[in-house]
Amino acid sequence: MATATVVTLVGCATPQGPSGGDPESGPVRAIEAHSRPLDPGALAAMAGAAEVVGLGEASHGARQFFALKGEVFRHLATTRGFTTFVLETSWSTGLRLDDYVVHGIGDPAAIMAEEFQGQYVFWNNEDYLELVEWMREYNLSHPGEPDLRFVGNDLGYPGPDAFARVTDYLAEHEPELTGRIGELYADLRPAPGTQAGQWMAEQLGKEQSRRDTDAERAREATALIRERAEGTPAHEWALRNAMAIEQSFTGYAFPDERFADRMRYRDEVMADNTVWWLDNGGGKVLLASNNSHVAYTSADPDFPDPTGAGLRERIGDRYVNVGLTFHQGTIGALPDPTAQEPDTFTVPPAPEGHTEHTLDEVGHRDFALDLRTAPASVRDWLAPARPTRSYGLYWAPEAPRIAVLDSYDVLVHLHQVEAAGLR
């Protein structure tokens, strides 16, 4: 990790206690009465009968968010029959980690180091490694029960595993297609030893005509497999792996000036892959992603249609989402889009007027709040858009204006976070 950078925001108010004279004490008292001290059981109860629980994060680089996701998944797996941890990472990365979780194939620490690069660099942390290892141990100690599974629903890096699974299927079931699809994939398949982060950067750096050609080749390969329409599980898996490859190259083919369309497509893909898993017997899902993806609404025109909106449209109340906020602490982020190494940034107490400032007046240090059943005073206060911190891959001190009530079913607030230590 690079040397820590301390950022001070001018005009940040000193936080007050619950009786500090906050003019919004009405919502504070009502939130305090309606919320529950944070624990995995409280969140599971609020999720109810949902089959997909989207658990967000207000920063890609805060340890407490990663730890909470691990704790919640363990609870859901052991008490609610959840089987699948879906992460905002590449489909092919999920294949590799799932092989370890189910079959013990590979070294999860090495897989994470090789795959969690570039836009996924913050996933290479101890909390996620501990979760993956726990999932493997759970499967070993619970023979006869459905296996826990690990899935990546994103399109960033079309790694070699997805290609290998398509070509292995063809060799066994559709040998007459191997020649043509081999030709189509020849210039797309990453070479052995390819660094995932470097590959993603280089793909975006290609001439537009080359990106278009790559996408067309991937689409043709998928179409050839789809035309067979066998409908067997093996065929469906081969088709889904081919589609994952196509999704990656299609995403990169959007011109840079159409960034918002690229991100709209990306969120569509993450929703589609999650629903496909659910509909094909993959079991109930904890979806681990950023607030901006699990949400129902967007506060950023560059990310116009969140994954959560697509999930709600497709599976209704089988999907429940949880947004996370925090008051102060440190987070990891890339300083800017040209940076290769993360820095640690200090986030001071939320100033007056921010959503987190009022939330932190609540007597519970960390708590969960069900927005669907909250009293009118709470819902009325959370309805307007106001500054609410949201950090993705890059550091940005300005807080976007988010209408929390329209964005989430459940809200979790943490008093303090600290930057995750990357492995």
Protein backbone atom coordinates (compact mmCIF):
# COMPACT_ATOMS: atom_id res chain seq x y z
CA MET A 1 0.00 0.00 0.00
CA ALA A 2 1.12 3.56 -0.67
CA THR A 3 1.75 6.09 2.07
CA ALA A 4 -1.40 7.29 3.76
CA THR A 5 -2.91 10.57 2.62
CA VAL A 6 -4.81 12.62 5.18
CA VAL A 7 -7.61 14.74 3.75
CA THR A 8 -9.32 17.41 5.83
CA LEU A 9 -12.66 18.83 4.74
CA VAL A 10 -13.23 22.48 5.60
CA GLY A 11 -16.30 23.26 7.66
CA CYS A 12 -16.91 19.82 9.16
CA ALA A 13 -18.93 20.20 12.33
CA THR A 14 -17.90 18.56 15.58
CA PRO A 15 -20.25 15.61 16.16
CA GLN A 16 -22.84 16.07 18.87
CA GLY A 17 -24.22 13.46 21.25
CA PRO A 18 -27.83 12.33 21.17
CA SER A 19 -28.88 15.32 23.26
CA GLY A 20 -26.66 17.84 21.49
CA GLY A 21 -29.45 20.12 20.32
CA ASP A 22 -29.80 18.68 16.80
CA PRO A 23 -32.85 20.37 15.23
CA GLU A 24 -33.72 17.03 13.67
CA SER A 25 -34.08 15.33 17.05
CA GLY A 26 -37.53 14.11 15.98
CA PRO A 27 -36.10 11.74 13.35
CA VAL A 28 -33.23 10.86 15.68
CA ARG A 29 -35.51 9.72 18.47
CA ALA A 30 -37.76 7.85 16.03
CA ILE A 31 -34.78 6.15 14.37
CA GLU A 32 -33.46 5.15 17.76
CA ALA A 33 -36.79 3.62 18.72
CA HIS A 34 -37.27 1.77 15.44
CA SER A 35 -33.69 0.60 14.74
CA ARG A 36 -31.89 -2.40 16.16
CA PRO A 37 -28.27 -2.68 17.32
CA LEU A 38 -26.35 -4.21 14.46
CA ASP A 39 -25.83 -7.95 14.31
CA PRO A 40 -26.24 -10.53 11.51
CA GLY A 41 -29.46 -11.85 13.06
CA ALA A 42 -31.07 -8.42 12.92
CA LEU A 43 -30.26 -8.09 9.22
CA ALA A 44 -31.45 -11.61 8.47
CA ALA A 45 -34.77 -10.87 10.17
CA MET A 46 -35.20 -7.71 8.11
CA ALA A 47 -34.40 -9.64 4.90
CA GLY A 48 -37.38 -11.88 5.62
CA ALA A 49 -38.15 -14.36 2.85
CA ALA A 50 -35.90 -12.70 0.25
CA GLU A 51 -33.94 -15.04 -2.02
CA VAL A 52 -31.38 -12.42 -3.03
CA VAL A 53 -30.06 -10.01 -0.39
CA GLY A 54 -27.98 -7.17 -1.83
CA LEU A 55 -25.54 -5.97 0.84
CA GLY A 56 -23.86 -2.72 -0.16
CA GLU A 57 -20.92 -0.67 1.08
CA ALA A 58 -20.27 3.05 1.20
CA SER A 59 -16.63 2.45 0.27
CA HIS A 60 -14.74 -0.25 -1.60
CA GLY A 61 -11.90 0.09 0.89
CA ALA A 62 -13.25 -0.18 4.46
CA ARG A 63 -12.53 -3.31 6.51
CA GLN A 64 -15.77 -3.24 8.51
CA PHE A 65 -17.84 -3.54 5.34
CA PHE A 66 -15.98 -6.67 4.22
CA ALA A 67 -16.13 -8.21 7.69
CA LEU A 68 -19.87 -7.55 7.94
CA LYS A 69 -20.52 -9.27 4.64
CA GLY A 70 -18.66 -12.33 5.83
CA GLU A 71 -20.56 -12.39 9.12
CA VAL A 72 -23.93 -11.95 7.43
CA PHE A 73 -23.25 -14.67 4.86
CA ARG A 74 -22.17 -17.12 7.57
CA HIS A 75 -25.39 -16.40 9.45
CA LEU A 76 -27.59 -16.73 6.37
CA ALA A 77 -25.86 -19.96 5.35
CA THR A 78 -26.16 -21.59 8.76
CA THR A 79 -29.66 -20.40 9.71
CA ARG A 80 -31.55 -19.41 6.54
CA GLY A 81 -30.45 -21.88 3.87
CA PHE A 82 -28.46 -19.42 1.77
CA THR A 83 -25.86 -21.15 -0.35
CA THR A 84 -24.22 -18.59 -2.63
CA PHE A 85 -21.93 -15.64 -2.12
CA VAL A 86 -22.14 -13.49 -5.27
CA LEU A 87 -19.43 -10.85 -5.50
CA GLU A 88 -19.02 -7.86 -7.79
CA THR A 89 -16.12 -9.47 -9.62
CA SER A 90 -15.50 -11.22 -12.91
CA TRP A 91 -17.47 -14.33 -13.79
CA SER A 92 -14.25 -16.22 -14.55
CA THR A 93 -12.81 -15.28 -11.16
CA GLY A 94 -15.91 -16.74 -9.55
CA LEU A 95 -15.32 -20.00 -11.44
CA ARG A 96 -11.84 -20.31 -9.96
CA LEU A 97 -12.86 -19.54 -6.39
CA ASP A 98 -15.92 -21.78 -6.68
CA ASP A 99 -13.66 -24.66 -7.73
CA TYR A 100 -11.79 -24.18 -4.48
CA VAL A 101 -14.91 -23.83 -2.34
CA VAL A 102 -16.60 -26.92 -3.82
CA HIS A 103 -13.70 -29.15 -4.87
CA GLY A 104 -10.64 -27.83 -3.02
CA ILE A 105 -8.91 -27.03 -6.32
CA GLY A 106 -6.25 -24.32 -6.17
CA ASP A 107 -4.90 -21.96 -3.53
CA PRO A 108 -7.45 -19.26 -2.70
CA ALA A 109 -4.79 -16.76 -1.61
CA ALA A 110 -2.99 -17.16 -4.92
CA ILE A 111 -6.22 -17.01 -6.91
CA MET A 112 -7.22 -13.79 -5.17
CA ALA A 113 -3.81 -12.21 -5.77
CA GLU A 114 -3.97 -13.12 -9.46
CA GLU A 115 -7.59 -12.12 -10.06
CA PHE A 116 -8.33 -9.25 -7.68
CA GLN A 117 -6.45 -6.59 -9.58
CA GLY A 118 -7.34 -3.37 -11.33
CA GLN A 119 -10.91 -2.40 -10.49
CA TYR A 120 -11.14 -5.35 -8.09
CA VAL A 121 -7.95 -4.66 -6.14
CA PHE A 122 -9.76 -4.00 -2.85
CA TRP A 123 -11.26 -7.50 -2.81
CA ASN A 124 -7.81 -8.97 -2.11
CA ASN A 125 -8.21 -8.66 1.66
CA GLU A 126 -8.02 -10.94 4.69
CA ASP A 127 -11.76 -10.87 5.42
CA TYR A 128 -12.69 -12.23 2.00
CA LEU A 129 -9.92 -14.82 2.16
CA GLU A 130 -11.20 -16.00 5.55
CA LEU A 131 -14.73 -16.21 4.15
CA VAL A 132 -13.64 -18.32 1.16
CA GLU A 133 -11.69 -20.65 3.43
CA TRP A 134 -14.67 -20.91 5.79
CA MET A 135 -16.95 -21.82 2.87
CA ARG A 136 -14.58 -24.66 1.93
CA GLU A 137 -14.46 -25.95 5.50
CA TYR A 138 -18.25 -25.77 5.76
CA ASN A 139 -18.66 -27.88 2.63
CA LEU A 140 -16.22 -30.46 3.95
CA SER A 141 -17.96 -30.68 7.31
CA HIS A 142 -21.51 -30.86 5.90
CA PRO A 143 -21.56 -33.76 3.44
CA GLY A 144 -24.95 -34.48 1.99
CA GLU A 145 -26.05 -30.84 2.20
CA PRO A 146 -26.10 -28.43 -0.76
CA ASP A 147 -22.63 -27.02 -1.31
CA LEU A 148 -21.90 -23.40 -0.60
CA ARG A 149 -20.94 -21.67 -3.84
CA PHE A 150 -18.94 -18.61 -4.91
CA VAL A 151 -20.04 -16.62 -7.98
CA GLY A 152 -18.70 -13.53 -9.75
CA ASN A 153 -21.44 -11.61 -11.57
CA ASP A 154 -19.34 -8.90 -13.26
CA LEU A 155 -17.65 -8.57 -16.66
CA GLY A 156 -14.26 -6.97 -15.99
CA TYR A 157 -11.84 -9.78 -16.88
CA PRO A 158 -12.71 -12.72 -19.16
CA GLY A 159 -10.13 -15.07 -17.70
CA PRO A 160 -8.93 -18.36 -19.19
CA ASP A 161 -11.26 -20.53 -17.08
CA ALA A 162 -14.40 -19.42 -18.90
CA PHE A 163 -12.77 -20.11 -22.27
CA ALA A 164 -11.53 -23.52 -21.13
CA ARG A 165 -14.98 -24.58 -19.95
CA VAL A 166 -16.52 -23.67 -23.29
CA THR A 167 -13.89 -25.49 -25.32
CA ASP A 168 -13.96 -28.54 -23.02
CA TYR A 169 -17.72 -28.78 -23.51
CA LEU A 170 -17.36 -28.53 -27.28
CA ALA A 171 -14.68 -31.20 -27.40
CA GLU A 172 -17.00 -33.63 -25.60
CA HIS A 173 -20.42 -32.69 -26.96
CA GLU A 174 -20.06 -30.54 -30.10
CA PRO A 175 -16.70 -31.39 -31.72
CA GLU A 176 -17.82 -30.01 -35.08
CA LEU A 177 -17.84 -26.52 -33.52
CA THR A 178 -14.38 -26.66 -32.02
CA GLY A 179 -12.57 -25.44 -35.11
CA ARG A 180 -14.65 -22.34 -35.77
CA ILE A 181 -15.03 -21.32 -32.14
CA GLY A 182 -11.34 -21.93 -31.62
CA GLU A 183 -10.66 -19.45 -34.42
CA LEU A 184 -13.06 -16.90 -32.93
CA TYR A 185 -11.50 -17.20 -29.48
CA ALA A 186 -7.88 -17.30 -30.66
CA ASP A 187 -7.27 -13.55 -30.26
CA LEU A 188 -9.58 -13.16 -27.26
CA ARG A 189 -8.33 -15.76 -24.79
CA PRO A 190 -5.77 -14.26 -22.36
CA ALA A 191 -2.35 -15.88 -22.63
CA PRO A 192 -1.02 -17.98 -19.73
CA GLY A 193 0.45 -15.78 -17.04
CA THR A 194 -1.59 -12.72 -18.05
CA GLN A 195 -2.03 -10.20 -15.24
CA ALA A 196 -5.73 -9.43 -14.88
CA GLY A 197 -5.24 -5.77 -14.03
CA GLN A 198 -2.89 -5.20 -16.94
CA TRP A 199 -5.26 -7.01 -19.34
CA MET A 200 -8.21 -4.80 -18.36
CA ALA A 201 -6.17 -1.63 -18.83
CA GLU A 202 -4.85 -2.78 -22.19
CA GLN A 203 -8.30 -3.76 -23.47
CA LEU A 204 -9.59 -0.25 -22.81
CA GLY A 205 -6.49 1.13 -24.50
CA LYS A 206 -7.14 -0.65 -27.80
CA GLU A 207 -8.36 1.17 -30.87
CA GLN A 208 -12.15 1.30 -31.07
CA SER A 209 -12.21 -0.79 -34.24
CA ARG A 210 -10.32 -3.60 -32.47
CA ARG A 211 -12.66 -3.51 -29.48
CA ASP A 212 -15.64 -3.73 -31.87
CA THR A 213 -14.09 -6.70 -33.67
CA ASP A 214 -13.38 -8.50 -30.40
CA ALA A 215 -16.99 -8.08 -29.32
CA GLU A 216 -18.32 -9.34 -32.66
CA ARG A 217 -16.13 -12.46 -32.49
CA ALA A 218 -17.36 -13.22 -28.96
CA ARG A 219 -20.99 -12.73 -30.03
CA GLU A 220 -20.58 -15.09 -32.99
CA ALA A 221 -19.15 -17.81 -30.76
CA THR A 222 -22.06 -17.49 -28.34
CA ALA A 223 -24.57 -17.61 -31.20
CA LEU A 224 -23.10 -20.86 -32.54
CA ILE A 225 -23.51 -22.53 -29.15
CA ARG A 226 -26.99 -21.09 -28.59
CA GLU A 227 -28.21 -22.42 -31.95
CA ARG A 228 -27.73 -26.00 -30.76
CA ALA A 229 -30.44 -25.43 -28.12
CA GLU A 230 -29.82 -28.74 -26.37
CA GLY A 231 -31.20 -27.54 -23.06
CA THR A 232 -29.07 -29.97 -21.02
CA PRO A 233 -27.32 -28.67 -17.90
CA ALA A 234 -23.95 -29.07 -19.62
CA HIS A 235 -25.14 -27.05 -22.61
CA GLU A 236 -26.64 -24.34 -20.40
CA TRP A 237 -23.38 -23.98 -18.51
CA ALA A 238 -21.35 -23.81 -21.72
CA LEU A 239 -23.72 -21.18 -23.07
CA ARG A 240 -23.51 -19.14 -19.85
CA ASN A 241 -19.71 -19.22 -19.92
CA ALA A 242 -19.74 -18.13 -23.56
CA MET A 243 -22.17 -15.36 -22.65
CA ALA A 244 -19.85 -14.22 -19.86
CA ILE A 245 -17.03 -13.91 -22.38
CA GLU A 246 -19.34 -12.02 -24.72
CA GLN A 247 -20.46 -9.74 -21.88
CA SER A 248 -16.86 -8.71 -21.18
CA PHE A 249 -15.97 -7.85 -24.74
CA THR A 250 -19.31 -6.15 -25.36
CA GLY A 251 -18.75 -3.97 -22.29
CA TYR A 252 -15.31 -2.91 -23.48
CA ALA A 253 -16.67 -2.14 -26.95
CA PHE A 254 -18.69 0.85 -25.77
CA PRO A 255 -16.80 3.99 -26.87
CA ASP A 256 -15.26 5.98 -24.06
CA GLU A 257 -17.61 8.89 -24.75
CA ARG A 258 -20.50 6.50 -24.00
CA PHE A 259 -19.28 5.67 -20.51
CA ALA A 260 -22.77 5.88 -19.00
CA ASP A 261 -24.04 3.34 -21.55
CA ARG A 262 -21.12 1.07 -20.71
CA MET A 263 -22.03 1.24 -17.01
CA ARG A 264 -25.73 0.70 -17.76
CA TYR A 265 -24.81 -2.44 -19.65
CA ARG A 266 -22.49 -3.56 -16.84
CA ASP A 267 -25.28 -3.30 -14.25
CA GLU A 268 -27.63 -5.18 -16.59
CA VAL A 269 -25.03 -7.94 -16.80
CA MET A 270 -24.62 -8.17 -13.03
CA ALA A 271 -28.39 -8.44 -12.59
CA ASP A 272 -28.70 -11.00 -15.41
CA ASN A 273 -25.92 -13.25 -14.11
CA THR A 274 -27.36 -13.14 -10.59
CA VAL A 275 -30.87 -14.04 -11.78
CA TRP A 276 -29.53 -16.79 -14.03
CA TRP A 277 -27.83 -18.36 -11.03
CA LEU A 278 -30.98 -18.10 -8.95
CA ASP A 279 -33.19 -19.54 -11.70
CA ASN A 280 -30.84 -22.43 -12.45
CA GLY A 281 -30.85 -23.96 -9.02
CA GLY A 282 -27.96 -22.06 -7.54
CA GLY A 283 -29.78 -21.40 -4.28
CA LYS A 284 -30.39 -18.24 -2.29
CA VAL A 285 -27.86 -15.46 -2.72
CA LEU A 286 -26.03 -12.83 -0.73
CA LEU A 287 -24.95 -10.23 -3.31
CA ALA A 288 -21.91 -8.27 -2.13
CA SER A 289 -21.42 -5.04 -4.03
CA ASN A 290 -21.22 -1.27 -3.70
CA ASN A 291 -24.19 0.80 -2.53
CA SER A 292 -24.41 2.31 -6.00
CA HIS A 293 -24.98 -1.14 -7.53
CA VAL A 294 -27.36 -2.75 -5.03
CA ALA A 295 -29.53 0.41 -4.87
CA TYR A 296 -32.81 1.03 -6.67
CA THR A 297 -31.96 4.58 -7.75
CA SER A 298 -28.83 6.33 -8.94
CA ALA A 299 -27.31 9.61 -7.80
CA ASP A 300 -24.68 9.58 -10.55
CA PRO A 301 -25.56 10.07 -14.25
CA ASP A 302 -22.51 7.98 -15.17
CA PHE A 303 -24.16 4.99 -13.45
CA PRO A 304 -27.77 5.47 -14.57
CA ASP A 305 -29.48 2.11 -13.89
CA PRO A 306 -28.25 0.16 -10.86
CA THR A 307 -28.14 -3.62 -10.62
CA GLY A 308 -30.66 -3.42 -7.77
CA ALA A 309 -33.23 -1.74 -10.01
CA GLY A 310 -32.86 -4.55 -12.53
CA LEU A 311 -33.20 -7.20 -9.84
CA ARG A 312 -36.33 -5.60 -8.41
CA GLU A 313 -37.85 -5.40 -11.89
CA ARG A 314 -37.09 -9.04 -12.64
CA ILE A 315 -37.70 -10.84 -9.34
CA GLY A 316 -39.75 -8.33 -7.31
CA ASP A 317 -39.68 -8.68 -3.56
CA ARG A 318 -37.55 -11.80 -3.82
CA TYR A 319 -34.82 -9.14 -3.79
CA VAL A 320 -34.11 -7.02 -0.70
CA ASN A 321 -31.24 -4.56 -0.49
CA VAL A 322 -29.23 -3.08 2.35
CA GLY A 323 -27.38 0.24 2.05
CA LEU A 324 -24.45 1.05 4.34
CA THR A 325 -23.36 4.42 5.70
CA PHE A 326 -20.62 5.51 8.10
CA HIS A 327 -19.80 8.61 10.11
CA GLN A 328 -15.99 8.81 10.13
CA GLY A 329 -12.76 6.88 9.84
CA THR A 330 -10.29 5.87 7.14
CA ILE A 331 -10.86 4.19 3.78
CA GLY A 332 -8.76 2.88 0.94
CA ALA A 333 -9.18 4.31 -2.55
CA LEU A 334 -7.20 5.05 -5.68
CA PRO A 335 -6.24 8.73 -5.69
CA ASP A 336 -7.32 9.16 -9.33
CA PRO A 337 -7.96 7.09 -12.48
CA THR A 338 -4.25 7.09 -13.40
CA ALA A 339 -3.10 5.65 -10.06
CA GLN A 340 -1.90 2.07 -9.78
CA GLU A 341 -1.66 1.81 -5.98
CA PRO A 342 -4.34 2.65 -3.39
CA ASP A 343 -3.86 5.26 -0.70
CA THR A 344 -5.49 5.55 2.71
CA PHE A 345 -7.72 8.60 3.16
CA THR A 346 -9.06 10.04 6.39
CA VAL A 347 -12.78 10.80 6.37
CA PRO A 348 -13.68 13.28 9.14
CA PRO A 349 -16.99 13.28 11.00
CA ALA A 350 -19.94 13.90 8.71
CA PRO A 351 -20.82 17.60 8.67
CA GLU A 352 -24.25 18.92 9.53
CA GLY A 353 -26.65 18.49 6.64
CA HIS A 354 -25.22 15.10 5.65
CA THR A 355 -27.35 12.01 6.14
CA GLU A 356 -24.66 10.44 8.30
CA HIS A 357 -24.50 13.40 10.67
CA THR A 358 -28.06 12.84 11.85
CA LEU A 359 -27.76 9.04 11.80
CA ASP A 360 -24.79 9.28 14.12
CA GLU A 361 -26.90 11.14 16.69
CA VAL A 362 -28.75 7.88 17.34
CA GLY A 363 -27.87 6.23 20.63
CA HIS A 364 -26.88 2.92 19.02
CA ARG A 365 -23.26 3.09 17.90
CA ASP A 366 -23.92 0.74 14.95
CA PHE A 367 -27.46 -0.15 13.93
CA ALA A 368 -29.83 -1.50 11.28
CA LEU A 369 -33.02 0.29 10.27
CA ASP A 370 -35.84 -1.24 8.21
CA LEU A 371 -36.99 1.65 6.01
CA ARG A 372 -40.10 -0.19 4.82
CA THR A 373 -41.63 -0.27 8.29
CA ALA A 374 -40.11 2.91 9.73
CA PRO A 375 -42.52 5.52 11.14
CA ALA A 376 -43.60 8.47 9.02
CA SER A 377 -41.19 10.91 10.68
CA VAL A 378 -38.24 8.73 9.65
CA ARG A 379 -39.48 8.08 6.13
CA ASP A 380 -40.26 11.76 5.57
CA TRP A 381 -36.76 12.70 6.71
CA LEU A 382 -35.09 10.09 4.48
CA ALA A 383 -37.17 10.92 1.38
CA PRO A 384 -35.33 14.06 0.14
CA ALA A 385 -31.95 13.73 -1.53
CA ARG A 386 -29.15 15.03 0.70
CA PRO A 387 -25.37 14.62 0.80
CA THR A 388 -24.56 11.00 1.61
CA ARG A 389 -21.06 9.59 1.32
CA SER A 390 -20.41 7.08 -1.44
CA TYR A 391 -16.91 5.99 -2.43
CA GLY A 392 -16.16 3.59 -5.23
CA LEU A 393 -12.76 2.83 -6.71
CA TYR A 394 -11.52 6.43 -6.63
CA TRP A 395 -11.24 9.03 -3.91
CA ALA A 396 -13.73 11.89 -4.18
CA PRO A 397 -14.31 14.15 -1.15
CA GLU A 398 -17.65 15.45 -2.40
CA ALA A 399 -20.70 13.51 -1.24
CA PRO A 400 -23.42 12.88 -3.84
CA ARG A 401 -27.02 13.72 -3.00
CA ILE A 402 -28.88 10.46 -2.38
CA ALA A 403 -32.55 9.90 -1.61
CA VAL A 404 -32.05 7.08 0.88
CA LEU A 405 -35.71 6.11 1.17
CA ASP A 406 -36.01 5.48 -2.57
CA SER A 407 -32.70 3.65 -2.74
CA TYR A 408 -32.81 0.95 -0.05
CA ASP A 409 -35.07 -1.38 1.90
CA VAL A 410 -32.79 -1.51 4.92
CA LEU A 411 -30.11 0.91 6.12
CA VAL A 412 -27.07 0.02 8.21
CA HIS A 413 -25.09 2.80 9.86
CA LEU A 414 -21.60 2.40 11.33
CA HIS A 415 -20.05 4.99 13.58
CA GLN A 416 -16.47 4.38 12.41
CA VAL A 417 -14.57 2.39 9.80
CA GLU A 418 -10.94 1.80 9.01
CA ALA A 419 -9.16 1.15 5.74
CA ALA A 420 -8.93 -2.50 4.80
CA GLY A 421 -5.46 -3.97 4.79
CA LEU A 422 -4.81 -5.45 1.37
CA ARG A 423 -2.92 -8.69 1.07
